[in-house]
PDB file of N, CA and C in Angstrom:
ATOM      1  N   UNK A   1      67.549  48.476 -23.770  1.00  0.00           N
ATOM      2  CA  UNK A   1      66.701  47.639 -22.813  1.00  0.00           C
ATOM      3  C   UNK A   1      67.527  46.242 -22.837  1.00  0.00           C
ATOM      4  N   UNK A   2      67.969  45.638 -22.251  1.00  0.00           N
ATOM      5  CA  UNK A   2      68.216  44.537 -21.880  1.00  0.00           C
ATOM      6  C   UNK A   2      67.273  43.819 -21.448  1.00  0.00           C
ATOM      7  N   UNK A   3      66.984  42.097 -22.219  1.00  0.00           N
ATOM      8  CA  UNK A   3      66.462  41.216 -21.978  1.00  0.00           C
ATOM      9  C   UNK A   3      66.680  39.964 -21.177  1.00  0.00           C
ATOM     10  N   UNK A   4      66.417  39.217 -20.988  1.00  0.00           N
ATOM     11  CA  UNK A   4      67.139  38.428 -20.276  1.00  0.00           C
ATOM     12  C   UNK A   4      66.258  37.021 -20.522  1.00  0.00           C
ATOM     13  N   UNK A   5      67.228  36.199 -20.638  1.00  0.00           N
ATOM     14  CA  UNK A   5      65.709  34.280 -21.185  1.00  0.00           C
ATOM     15  C   UNK A   5      65.651  34.034 -19.653  1.00  0.00           C
ATOM     16  N   UNK A   6      64.359  32.993 -20.113  1.00  0.00           N
ATOM     17  CA  UNK A   6      64.172  32.466 -18.402  1.00  0.00           C
ATOM     18  C   UNK A   6      65.786  31.609 -17.656  1.00  0.00           C
ATOM     19  N   UNK A   7      66.300  30.556 -18.479  1.00  0.00           N
ATOM     20  CA  UNK A   7      67.609  30.140 -18.131  1.00  0.00           C
ATOM     21  C   UNK A   7      68.400  31.627 -17.494  1.00  0.00           C
ATOM     22  N   UNK A   8      68.519  32.704 -17.886  1.00  0.00           N
ATOM     23  CA  UNK A   8      69.163  33.486 -17.210  1.00  0.00           C
ATOM     24  C   UNK A   8      68.831  33.532 -16.160  1.00  0.00           C
ATOM     25  N   UNK A   9      67.434  33.737 -16.076  1.00  0.00           N
ATOM     26  CA  UNK A   9      66.627  34.024 -14.634  1.00  0.00           C
ATOM     27  C   UNK A   9      66.958  32.960 -13.349  1.00  0.00           C
ATOM     28  N   UNK A  10      66.762  32.317 -14.087  1.00  0.00           N
ATOM     29  CA  UNK A  10      67.048  31.059 -13.415  1.00  0.00           C
ATOM     30  C   UNK A  10      68.251  30.835 -12.739  1.00  0.00           C
ATOM     31  N   UNK A  11      69.004  31.080 -13.554  1.00  0.00           N
ATOM     32  CA  UNK A  11      70.445  31.400 -13.143  1.00  0.00           C
ATOM     33  C   UNK A  11      71.146  32.067 -12.139  1.00  0.00           C
ATOM     34  N   UNK A  12      70.053  32.969 -12.866  1.00  0.00           N
ATOM     35  CA  UNK A  12      71.038  34.827 -11.740  1.00  0.00           C
ATOM     36  C   UNK A  12      70.360  34.254  -9.995  1.00  0.00           C
ATOM     37  N   UNK A  13      69.252  33.709 -10.126  1.00  0.00           N
ATOM     38  CA  UNK A  13      68.125  33.741  -8.872  1.00  0.00           C
ATOM     39  C   UNK A  13      69.329  32.192  -8.434  1.00  0.00           C
ATOM     40  N   UNK A  14      70.023  31.310  -8.395  1.00  0.00           N
ATOM     41  CA  UNK A  14      70.362  29.976  -8.440  1.00  0.00           C
ATOM     42  C   UNK A  14      72.212  30.925  -7.641  1.00  0.00           C
ATOM     43  N   UNK A  15      72.639  31.886  -8.080  1.00  0.00           N
ATOM     44  CA  UNK A  15      73.794  32.743  -7.828  1.00  0.00           C
ATOM     45  C   UNK A  15      73.308  33.120  -6.632  1.00  0.00           C
ATOM     46  N   UNK A  16      72.593  34.391  -6.738  1.00  0.00           N
ATOM     47  CA  UNK A  16      72.182  35.183  -5.919  1.00  0.00           C
ATOM     48  C   UNK A  16      71.424  34.443  -4.832  1.00  0.00           C
ATOM     49  N   UNK A  17      70.491  33.819  -4.753  1.00  0.00           N
ATOM     50  CA  UNK A  17      70.344  33.072  -3.319  1.00  0.00           C
ATOM     51  C   UNK A  17      71.381  32.528  -2.492  1.00  0.00           C
ATOM     52  N   UNK A  18      72.332  31.634  -3.567  1.00  0.00           N
ATOM     53  CA  UNK A  18      73.353  30.568  -2.853  1.00  0.00           C
ATOM     54  C   UNK A  18      74.121  31.399  -2.180  1.00  0.00           C
ATOM     55  N   UNK A  19      74.943  32.817  -2.964  1.00  0.00           N
ATOM     56  CA  UNK A  19      75.665  33.765  -2.254  1.00  0.00           C
ATOM     57  C   UNK A  19      74.877  34.127  -0.831  1.00  0.00           C
ATOM     58  N   UNK A  20      74.124  34.575  -1.043  1.00  0.00           N
ATOM     59  CA  UNK A  20      73.316  34.974  -0.049  1.00  0.00           C
ATOM     60  C   UNK A  20      73.158  34.088   1.613  1.00  0.00           C
ATOM     61  N   UNK A  21      72.581  32.907   1.023  1.00  0.00           N
ATOM     62  CA  UNK A  21      72.530  31.766   2.893  1.00  0.00           C
ATOM     63  C   UNK A  21      73.802  31.865   3.081  1.00  0.00           C
ATOM     64  N   UNK A  22      75.337  32.364   2.361  1.00  0.00           N
ATOM     65  CA  UNK A  22      76.437  32.358   3.106  1.00  0.00           C
ATOM     66  C   UNK A  22      77.265  33.344   3.696  1.00  0.00           C
ATOM     67  N   UNK A  23      76.914  34.449   2.941  1.00  0.00           N
ATOM     68  CA  UNK A  23      77.337  35.952   2.786  1.00  0.00           C
ATOM     69  C   UNK A  23      76.472  36.727   3.146  1.00  0.00           C
ATOM     70  N   UNK A  24      76.872  37.154   4.908  1.00  0.00           N
ATOM     71  CA  UNK A  24      75.871  38.499   5.286  1.00  0.00           C
ATOM     72  C   UNK A  24      75.888  39.600   4.727  1.00  0.00           C
ATOM     73  N   UNK A  25      77.676  40.468   4.073  1.00  0.00           N
ATOM     74  CA  UNK A  25      77.511  41.429   3.741  1.00  0.00           C
ATOM     75  C   UNK A  25      76.621  41.539   2.218  1.00  0.00           C
ATOM     76  N   UNK A  26      76.532  39.782   1.572  1.00  0.00           N
ATOM     77  CA  UNK A  26      76.236  40.206  -0.032  1.00  0.00           C
ATOM     78  C   UNK A  26      74.556  40.382   0.680  1.00  0.00           C
ATOM     79  N   UNK A  27      74.403  39.491   1.303  1.00  0.00           N
ATOM     80  CA  UNK A  27      72.770  39.703   1.843  1.00  0.00           C
ATOM     81  C   UNK A  27      72.343  40.849   1.973  1.00  0.00           C
ATOM     82  N   UNK A  28      73.059  41.290   3.073  1.00  0.00           N
ATOM     83  CA  UNK A  28      72.308  43.000   3.266  1.00  0.00           C
ATOM     84  C   UNK A  28      72.208  44.379   2.116  1.00  0.00           C
ATOM     85  N   UNK A  29      73.625  43.796   1.249  1.00  0.00           N
ATOM     86  CA  UNK A  29      73.240  44.804   0.512  1.00  0.00           C
ATOM     87  C   UNK A  29      72.623  44.237  -0.968  1.00  0.00           C
ATOM     88  N   UNK A  30      72.030  43.275  -1.144  1.00  0.00           N
ATOM     89  CA  UNK A  30      71.070  42.563  -1.892  1.00  0.00           C
ATOM     90  C   UNK A  30      69.602  42.988  -1.477  1.00  0.00           C
ATOM     91  N   UNK A  31      69.289  43.143  -0.100  1.00  0.00           N
ATOM     92  CA  UNK A  31      68.907  43.195   0.406  1.00  0.00           C
ATOM     93  C   UNK A  31      67.711  45.112   0.207  1.00  0.00           C
ATOM     94  N   UNK A  32      69.327  45.943   0.491  1.00  0.00           N
ATOM     95  CA  UNK A  32      69.588  46.920   0.438  1.00  0.00           C
ATOM     96  C   UNK A  32      68.821  47.766  -1.324  1.00  0.00           C
ATOM     97  N   UNK A  33      69.763  46.984  -2.039  1.00  0.00           N
ATOM     98  CA  UNK A  33      69.616  47.462  -3.135  1.00  0.00           C
ATOM     99  C   UNK A  33      70.205  46.682  -4.188  1.00  0.00           C
ATOM    100  N   UNK A  34      68.652  45.802  -4.275  1.00  0.00           N
ATOM    101  CA  UNK A  34      68.580  44.141  -4.880  1.00  0.00           C
ATOM    102  C   UNK A  34      68.965  44.546  -6.439  1.00  0.00           C
ATOM    103  N   UNK A  35      68.670  46.180  -7.023  1.00  0.00           N
ATOM    104  CA  UNK A  35      68.737  45.762  -8.557  1.00  0.00           C
ATOM    105  C   UNK A  35      70.559  45.982  -9.157  1.00  0.00           C
ATOM    106  N   UNK A  36      70.979  46.711  -8.083  1.00  0.00           N
ATOM    107  CA  UNK A  36      72.549  47.148  -8.124  1.00  0.00           C
ATOM    108  C   UNK A  36      73.308  45.508  -7.851  1.00  0.00           C
ATOM    109  N   UNK A  37      72.846  44.738  -7.085  1.00  0.00           N
ATOM    110  CA  UNK A  37      73.576  43.514  -6.657  1.00  0.00           C
ATOM    111  C   UNK A  37      73.260  42.763  -7.600  1.00  0.00           C
ATOM    112  N   UNK A  38      72.487  42.520  -8.090  1.00  0.00           N
ATOM    113  CA  UNK A  38      71.803  41.470  -9.241  1.00  0.00           C
ATOM    114  C   UNK A  38      72.409  41.887 -10.393  1.00  0.00           C
ATOM    115  N   UNK A  39      72.745  43.272 -10.836  1.00  0.00           N
ATOM    116  CA  UNK A  39      73.002  43.659 -11.676  1.00  0.00           C
ATOM    117  C   UNK A  39      74.636  43.075 -11.794  1.00  0.00           C
ATOM    118  N   UNK A  40      75.652  42.963 -10.629  1.00  0.00           N
ATOM    119  CA  UNK A  40      76.546  43.185 -10.470  1.00  0.00           C
ATOM    120  C   UNK A  40      76.654  41.063 -10.494  1.00  0.00           C
ATOM    121  N   UNK A  41      76.675  40.853 -10.364  1.00  0.00           N
ATOM    122  CA  UNK A  41      76.118  39.062 -10.279  1.00  0.00           C
ATOM    123  C   UNK A  41      75.890  38.656 -11.402  1.00  0.00           C
ATOM    124  N   UNK A  42      74.929  39.144 -12.613  1.00  0.00           N
ATOM    125  CA  UNK A  42      74.644  39.178 -13.885  1.00  0.00           C
ATOM    126  C   UNK A  42      75.872  39.234 -14.850  1.00  0.00           C
ATOM    127  N   UNK A  43      75.936  40.508 -14.890  1.00  0.00           N
ATOM    128  CA  UNK A  43      76.827  40.981 -15.674  1.00  0.00           C
ATOM    129  C   UNK A  43      76.321  41.767 -16.529  1.00  0.00           C
ATOM    130  N   UNK A  44      74.600  42.789 -16.371  1.00  0.00           N
ATOM    131  CA  UNK A  44      74.095  43.320 -17.302  1.00  0.00           C
ATOM    132  C   UNK A  44      73.072  44.171 -16.648  1.00  0.00           C
ATOM    133  N   UNK A  45      72.251  44.941 -16.255  1.00  0.00           N
ATOM    134  CA  UNK A  45      71.312  45.361 -16.062  1.00  0.00           C
ATOM    135  C   UNK A  45      70.482  44.724 -15.640  1.00  0.00           C
ATOM    136  N   UNK A  46      69.610  44.949 -15.013  1.00  0.00           N
ATOM    137  CA  UNK A  46      68.513  44.307 -14.672  1.00  0.00           C
ATOM    138  C   UNK A  46      66.866  45.033 -15.536  1.00  0.00           C
ATOM    139  N   UNK A  47      66.373  43.968 -16.913  1.00  0.00           N
ATOM    140  CA  UNK A  47      65.317  44.274 -17.606  1.00  0.00           C
ATOM    141  C   UNK A  47      64.860  45.955 -17.044  1.00  0.00           C
ATOM    142  N   UNK A  48      64.415  46.957 -18.009  1.00  0.00           N
ATOM    143  CA  UNK A  48      63.704  48.367 -17.534  1.00  0.00           C
ATOM    144  C   UNK A  48      62.371  47.142 -17.121  1.00  0.00           C
ATOM    145  N   UNK A  49      61.462  47.607 -16.301  1.00  0.00           N
ATOM    146  CA  UNK A  49      59.898  47.557 -15.814  1.00  0.00           C
ATOM    147  C   UNK A  49      59.514  46.286 -15.211  1.00  0.00           C
ATOM    148  N   UNK A  50      61.003  45.384 -14.731  1.00  0.00           N
ATOM    149  CA  UNK A  50      61.207  43.866 -14.647  1.00  0.00           C
ATOM    150  C   UNK A  50      61.097  44.001 -12.653  1.00  0.00           C
ATOM    151  N   UNK A  51      60.425  43.935 -12.259  1.00  0.00           N
ATOM    152  CA  UNK A  51      59.998  44.282 -11.139  1.00  0.00           C
ATOM    153  C   UNK A  51      60.244  43.085  -9.971  1.00  0.00           C
ATOM    154  N   UNK A  52      61.174  43.779  -9.270  1.00  0.00           N
ATOM    155  CA  UNK A  52      61.936  42.450  -7.935  1.00  0.00           C
ATOM    156  C   UNK A  52      61.014  42.569  -6.857  1.00  0.00           C
ATOM    157  N   UNK A  53      60.924  41.868  -5.753  1.00  0.00           N
ATOM    158  CA  UNK A  53      60.550  41.422  -4.751  1.00  0.00           C
ATOM    159  C   UNK A  53      61.182  40.972  -3.859  1.00  0.00           C
ATOM    160  N   UNK A  54      62.391  41.271  -3.049  1.00  0.00           N
ATOM    161  CA  UNK A  54      62.504  40.267  -2.487  1.00  0.00           C
ATOM    162  C   UNK A  54      62.244  39.797  -0.780  1.00  0.00           C
ATOM    163  N   UNK A  55      61.940  38.696  -0.347  1.00  0.00           N
ATOM    164  CA  UNK A  55      61.665  37.740   0.884  1.00  0.00           C
ATOM    165  C   UNK A  55      62.301  37.118   1.446  1.00  0.00           C
ATOM    166  N   UNK A  56      62.571  37.894   2.577  1.00  0.00           N
ATOM    167  CA  UNK A  56      64.197  36.694   3.767  1.00  0.00           C
ATOM    168  C   UNK A  56      62.832  35.861   3.922  1.00  0.00           C
ATOM    169  N   UNK A  57      62.829  34.603   4.363  1.00  0.00           N
ATOM    170  CA  UNK A  57      62.382  34.077   4.842  1.00  0.00           C
ATOM    171  C   UNK A  57      62.919  33.608   6.082  1.00  0.00           C
ATOM    172  N   UNK A  58      61.509  33.658   6.723  1.00  0.00           N
ATOM    173  CA  UNK A  58      61.262  33.679   8.381  1.00  0.00           C
ATOM    174  C   UNK A  58      61.861  32.347   8.733  1.00  0.00           C
ATOM    175  N   UNK A  59      63.227  32.690   9.516  1.00  0.00           N
ATOM    176  CA  UNK A  59      63.162  31.074  10.390  1.00  0.00           C
ATOM    177  C   UNK A  59      62.315  30.553  11.063  1.00  0.00           C
ATOM    178  N   UNK A  60      61.958  31.533  12.048  1.00  0.00           N
ATOM    179  CA  UNK A  60      60.524  30.886  12.735  1.00  0.00           C
ATOM    180  C   UNK A  60      59.565  30.299  12.281  1.00  0.00           C
ATOM    181  N   UNK A  61      59.526  30.584  10.729  1.00  0.00           N
ATOM    182  CA  UNK A  61      58.432  29.570   9.548  1.00  0.00           C
ATOM    183  C   UNK A  61      59.011  28.590   9.246  1.00  0.00           C
ATOM    184  N   UNK A  62      57.757  27.289   9.116  1.00  0.00           N
ATOM    185  CA  UNK A  62      58.420  26.321   9.166  1.00  0.00           C
ATOM    186  C   UNK A  62      58.195  26.275   7.283  1.00  0.00           C
ATOM    187  N   UNK A  63      56.858  27.083   7.151  1.00  0.00           N
ATOM    188  CA  UNK A  63      57.282  27.546   5.586  1.00  0.00           C
ATOM    189  C   UNK A  63      56.694  28.542   5.017  1.00  0.00           C
ATOM    190  N   UNK A  64      57.302  29.261   3.969  1.00  0.00           N
ATOM    191  CA  UNK A  64      56.793  30.129   3.317  1.00  0.00           C
ATOM    192  C   UNK A  64      56.465  29.819   2.262  1.00  0.00           C
ATOM    193  N   UNK A  65      55.540  30.397   1.525  1.00  0.00           N
ATOM    194  CA  UNK A  65      54.494  30.074   0.266  1.00  0.00           C
ATOM    195  C   UNK A  65      54.386  31.307  -0.293  1.00  0.00           C
ATOM    196  N   UNK A  66      55.215  32.206  -1.638  1.00  0.00           N
ATOM    197  CA  UNK A  66      54.547  33.035  -2.661  1.00  0.00           C
ATOM    198  C   UNK A  66      53.398  32.659  -3.126  1.00  0.00           C
ATOM    199  N   UNK A  67      52.195  33.584  -2.210  1.00  0.00           N
ATOM    200  CA  UNK A  67      50.967  33.375  -3.374  1.00  0.00           C
ATOM    201  C   UNK A  67      51.021  34.070  -4.728  1.00  0.00           C
ATOM    202  N   UNK A  68      50.709  33.231  -6.006  1.00  0.00           N
ATOM    203  CA  UNK A  68      50.748  34.168  -6.995  1.00  0.00           C
ATOM    204  C   UNK A  68      49.698  35.005  -7.285  1.00  0.00           C
ATOM    205  N   UNK A  69      49.865  36.165  -7.990  1.00  0.00           N
ATOM    206  CA  UNK A  69      48.747  37.140  -8.147  1.00  0.00           C
ATOM    207  C   UNK A  69      47.102  35.967  -8.923  1.00  0.00           C
ATOM    208  N   UNK A  70      45.949  37.067  -8.123  1.00  0.00           N
ATOM    209  CA  UNK A  70      44.877  36.743  -8.913  1.00  0.00           C
ATOM    210  C   UNK A  70      44.350  36.384  -9.984  1.00  0.00           C
ATOM    211  N   UNK A  71      44.126  34.812 -10.219  1.00  0.00           N
ATOM    212  CA  UNK A  71      44.319  35.158 -12.397  1.00  0.00           C
ATOM    213  C   UNK A  71      42.664  35.719 -12.286  1.00  0.00           C
ATOM    214  N   UNK A  72      42.738  36.421 -13.773  1.00  0.00           N
ATOM    215  CA  UNK A  72      41.522  36.762 -14.868  1.00  0.00           C
ATOM    216  C   UNK A  72      41.277  36.417 -15.699  1.00  0.00           C
ATOM    217  N   UNK A  73      40.421  37.058 -16.647  1.00  0.00           N
ATOM    218  CA  UNK A  73      40.586  36.534 -18.046  1.00  0.00           C
ATOM    219  C   UNK A  73      40.564  37.920 -18.760  1.00  0.00           C
ATOM    220  N   UNK A  74      41.022  39.124 -18.343  1.00  0.00           N
ATOM    221  CA  UNK A  74      41.113  39.985 -18.528  1.00  0.00           C
ATOM    222  C   UNK A  74      42.483  40.216 -18.703  1.00  0.00           C
ATOM    223  N   UNK A  75      42.850  41.106 -19.785  1.00  0.00           N
ATOM    224  CA  UNK A  75      44.695  41.347 -19.681  1.00  0.00           C
ATOM    225  C   UNK A  75      44.559  42.498 -18.790  1.00  0.00           C
ATOM    226  N   UNK A  76      45.846  42.796 -18.373  1.00  0.00           N
ATOM    227  CA  UNK A  76      45.947  44.164 -18.366  1.00  0.00           C
ATOM    228  C   UNK A  76      46.451  45.103 -18.792  1.00  0.00           C
ATOM    229  N   UNK A  77      46.444  46.294 -18.423  1.00  0.00           N
ATOM    230  CA  UNK A  77      47.093  47.194 -19.206  1.00  0.00           C
ATOM    231  C   UNK A  77      48.457  46.841 -20.068  1.00  0.00           C
ATOM    232  N   UNK A  78      49.581  46.381 -18.555  1.00  0.00           N
ATOM    233  CA  UNK A  78      50.954  45.849 -18.830  1.00  0.00           C
ATOM    234  C   UNK A  78      50.857  44.585 -19.746  1.00  0.00           C
ATOM    235  N   UNK A  79      49.802  44.107 -19.240  1.00  0.00           N
ATOM    236  CA  UNK A  79      49.798  42.839 -20.843  1.00  0.00           C
ATOM    237  C   UNK A  79      49.315  43.048 -21.902  1.00  0.00           C
ATOM    238  N   UNK A  80      48.815  43.983 -22.294  1.00  0.00           N
ATOM    239  CA  UNK A  80      48.371  44.318 -23.250  1.00  0.00           C
ATOM    240  C   UNK A  80      49.562  45.123 -24.060  1.00  0.00           C
ATOM    241  N   UNK A  81      49.741  45.915 -23.224  1.00  0.00           N
ATOM    242  CA  UNK A  81      51.262  46.389 -24.364  1.00  0.00           C
ATOM    243  C   UNK A  81      52.533  45.257 -24.169  1.00  0.00           C
ATOM    244  N   UNK A  82      52.230  44.717 -23.408  1.00  0.00           N
ATOM    245  CA  UNK A  82      53.310  43.575 -23.975  1.00  0.00           C
ATOM    246  C   UNK A  82      53.231  42.714 -24.836  1.00  0.00           C
ATOM    247  N   UNK A  83      51.662  42.320 -25.253  1.00  0.00           N
ATOM    248  CA  UNK A  83      51.440  41.604 -26.373  1.00  0.00           C
ATOM    249  C   UNK A  83      51.463  42.341 -27.682  1.00  0.00           C
ATOM    250  N   UNK A  84      51.315  44.289 -27.828  1.00  0.00           N
ATOM    251  CA  UNK A  84      51.187  44.907 -28.581  1.00  0.00           C
ATOM    252  C   UNK A  84      52.574  44.941 -28.790  1.00  0.00           C
ATOM    253  N   UNK A  85      53.952  44.946 -27.999  1.00  0.00           N
ATOM    254  CA  UNK A  85      55.204  45.343 -28.311  1.00  0.00           C
ATOM    255  C   UNK A  85      55.675  43.843 -29.091  1.00  0.00           C
ATOM    256  N   UNK A  86      54.896  43.010 -28.719  1.00  0.00           N
ATOM    257  CA  UNK A  86      55.784  41.020 -29.406  1.00  0.00           C
ATOM    258  C   UNK A  86      55.895  40.067 -28.713  1.00  0.00           C
ATOM    259  N   UNK A  87      55.873  40.722 -27.282  1.00  0.00           N
ATOM    260  CA  UNK A  87      56.173  39.759 -26.232  1.00  0.00           C
ATOM    261  C   UNK A  87      55.003  39.187 -25.283  1.00  0.00           C
ATOM    262  N   UNK A  88      54.648  37.354 -25.501  1.00  0.00           N
ATOM    263  CA  UNK A  88      53.276  36.698 -25.657  1.00  0.00           C
ATOM    264  C   UNK A  88      53.381  36.380 -24.729  1.00  0.00           C
ATOM    265  N   UNK A  89      53.935  36.883 -23.167  1.00  0.00           N
ATOM    266  CA  UNK A  89      54.283  35.813 -22.445  1.00  0.00           C
ATOM    267  C   UNK A  89      52.905  36.319 -21.063  1.00  0.00           C
ATOM    268  N   UNK A  90      52.135  36.094 -20.472  1.00  0.00           N
ATOM    269  CA  UNK A  90      50.926  36.294 -19.798  1.00  0.00           C
ATOM    270  C   UNK A  90      51.120  35.589 -18.611  1.00  0.00           C
ATOM    271  N   UNK A  91      50.921  36.538 -17.389  1.00  0.00           N
ATOM    272  CA  UNK A  91      51.279  36.104 -15.883  1.00  0.00           C
ATOM    273  C   UNK A  91      52.955  35.359 -15.919  1.00  0.00           C
ATOM    274  N   UNK A  92      53.931  35.937 -16.768  1.00  0.00           N
ATOM    275  CA  UNK A  92      55.161  35.267 -16.125  1.00  0.00           C
ATOM    276  C   UNK A  92      55.972  35.903 -14.493  1.00  0.00           C
ATOM    277  N   UNK A  93      55.195  35.318 -14.085  1.00  0.00           N
ATOM    278  CA  UNK A  93      55.623  35.687 -12.540  1.00  0.00           C
ATOM    279  C   UNK A  93      56.970  34.354 -12.266  1.00  0.00           C
ATOM    280  N   UNK A  94      57.597  34.694 -11.980  1.00  0.00           N
ATOM    281  CA  UNK A  94      59.217  33.498 -11.448  1.00  0.00           C
ATOM    282  C   UNK A  94      59.163  33.914 -10.319  1.00  0.00           C
ATOM    283  N   UNK A  95      58.272  32.369  -9.718  1.00  0.00           N
ATOM    284  CA  UNK A  95      58.098  32.289  -8.255  1.00  0.00           C
ATOM    285  C   UNK A  95      59.476  31.521  -7.877  1.00  0.00           C
ATOM    286  N   UNK A  96      60.464  31.527  -6.996  1.00  0.00           N
ATOM    287  CA  UNK A  96      61.587  30.672  -7.073  1.00  0.00           C
ATOM    288  C   UNK A  96      61.205  30.814  -5.519  1.00  0.00           C
ATOM    289  N   UNK A  97      61.263  29.457  -5.388  1.00  0.00           N
ATOM    290  CA  UNK A  97      61.311  28.737  -3.749  1.00  0.00           C
ATOM    291  C   UNK A  97      60.211  28.973  -2.880  1.00  0.00           C
ATOM    292  N   UNK A  98      59.834  27.554  -2.568  1.00  0.00           N
ATOM    293  CA  UNK A  98      59.212  27.569  -1.498  1.00  0.00           C
ATOM    294  C   UNK A  98      60.303  26.763   0.140  1.00  0.00           C
ATOM    295  N   UNK A  99      60.040  27.421   0.698  1.00  0.00           N
ATOM    296  CA  UNK A  99      61.068  27.394   1.709  1.00  0.00           C
ATOM    297  C   UNK A  99      60.144  26.531   2.602  1.00  0.00           C
ATOM    298  N   UNK A 100      61.539  25.690   3.190  1.00  0.00           N
ATOM    299  CA  UNK A 100      60.487  24.825   4.539  1.00  0.00           C
ATOM    300  C   UNK A 100      61.715  24.176   5.273  1.00  0.00           C
ATOM    301  N   UNK A 101      61.098  23.710   6.712  1.00  0.00           N
ATOM    302  CA  UNK A 101      62.194  23.149   7.371  1.00  0.00           C
ATOM    303  C   UNK A 101      61.262  21.865   8.100  1.00  0.00           C
ATOM    304  N   UNK A 102      62.125  20.683   8.268  1.00  0.00           N
ATOM    305  CA  UNK A 102      61.941  19.313   8.643  1.00  0.00           C
ATOM    306  C   UNK A 102      61.983  19.237   9.943  1.00  0.00           C
ATOM    307  N   UNK A 103      61.826  19.093  10.848  1.00  0.00           N
ATOM    308  CA  UNK A 103      62.421  18.605  12.198  1.00  0.00           C
ATOM    309  C   UNK A 103      62.180  19.385  13.258  1.00  0.00           C
TER     310      UNK A 103
END
């Protein structure tokens, strides 16, 4: 199973979002099949169990905010599995981008 470092994730997000802002065909492909397009950009598979959700900014909205999951003191089954498997990240939600327009 392929894994990514946080630095790799940030670079992939930068590369994908940069290209998606200028290339309509790339953007359409990305929205239709993000795993395949990200694999092509990254040069390796999206890790198994790594869930993706892409949201297109609404040009009519002045601000787009991604609300993080509700925090609880309890670990989910998935988080327990990660801890048992040696992964110590809790609540790793790579939240990239707050979109806004001024003027």
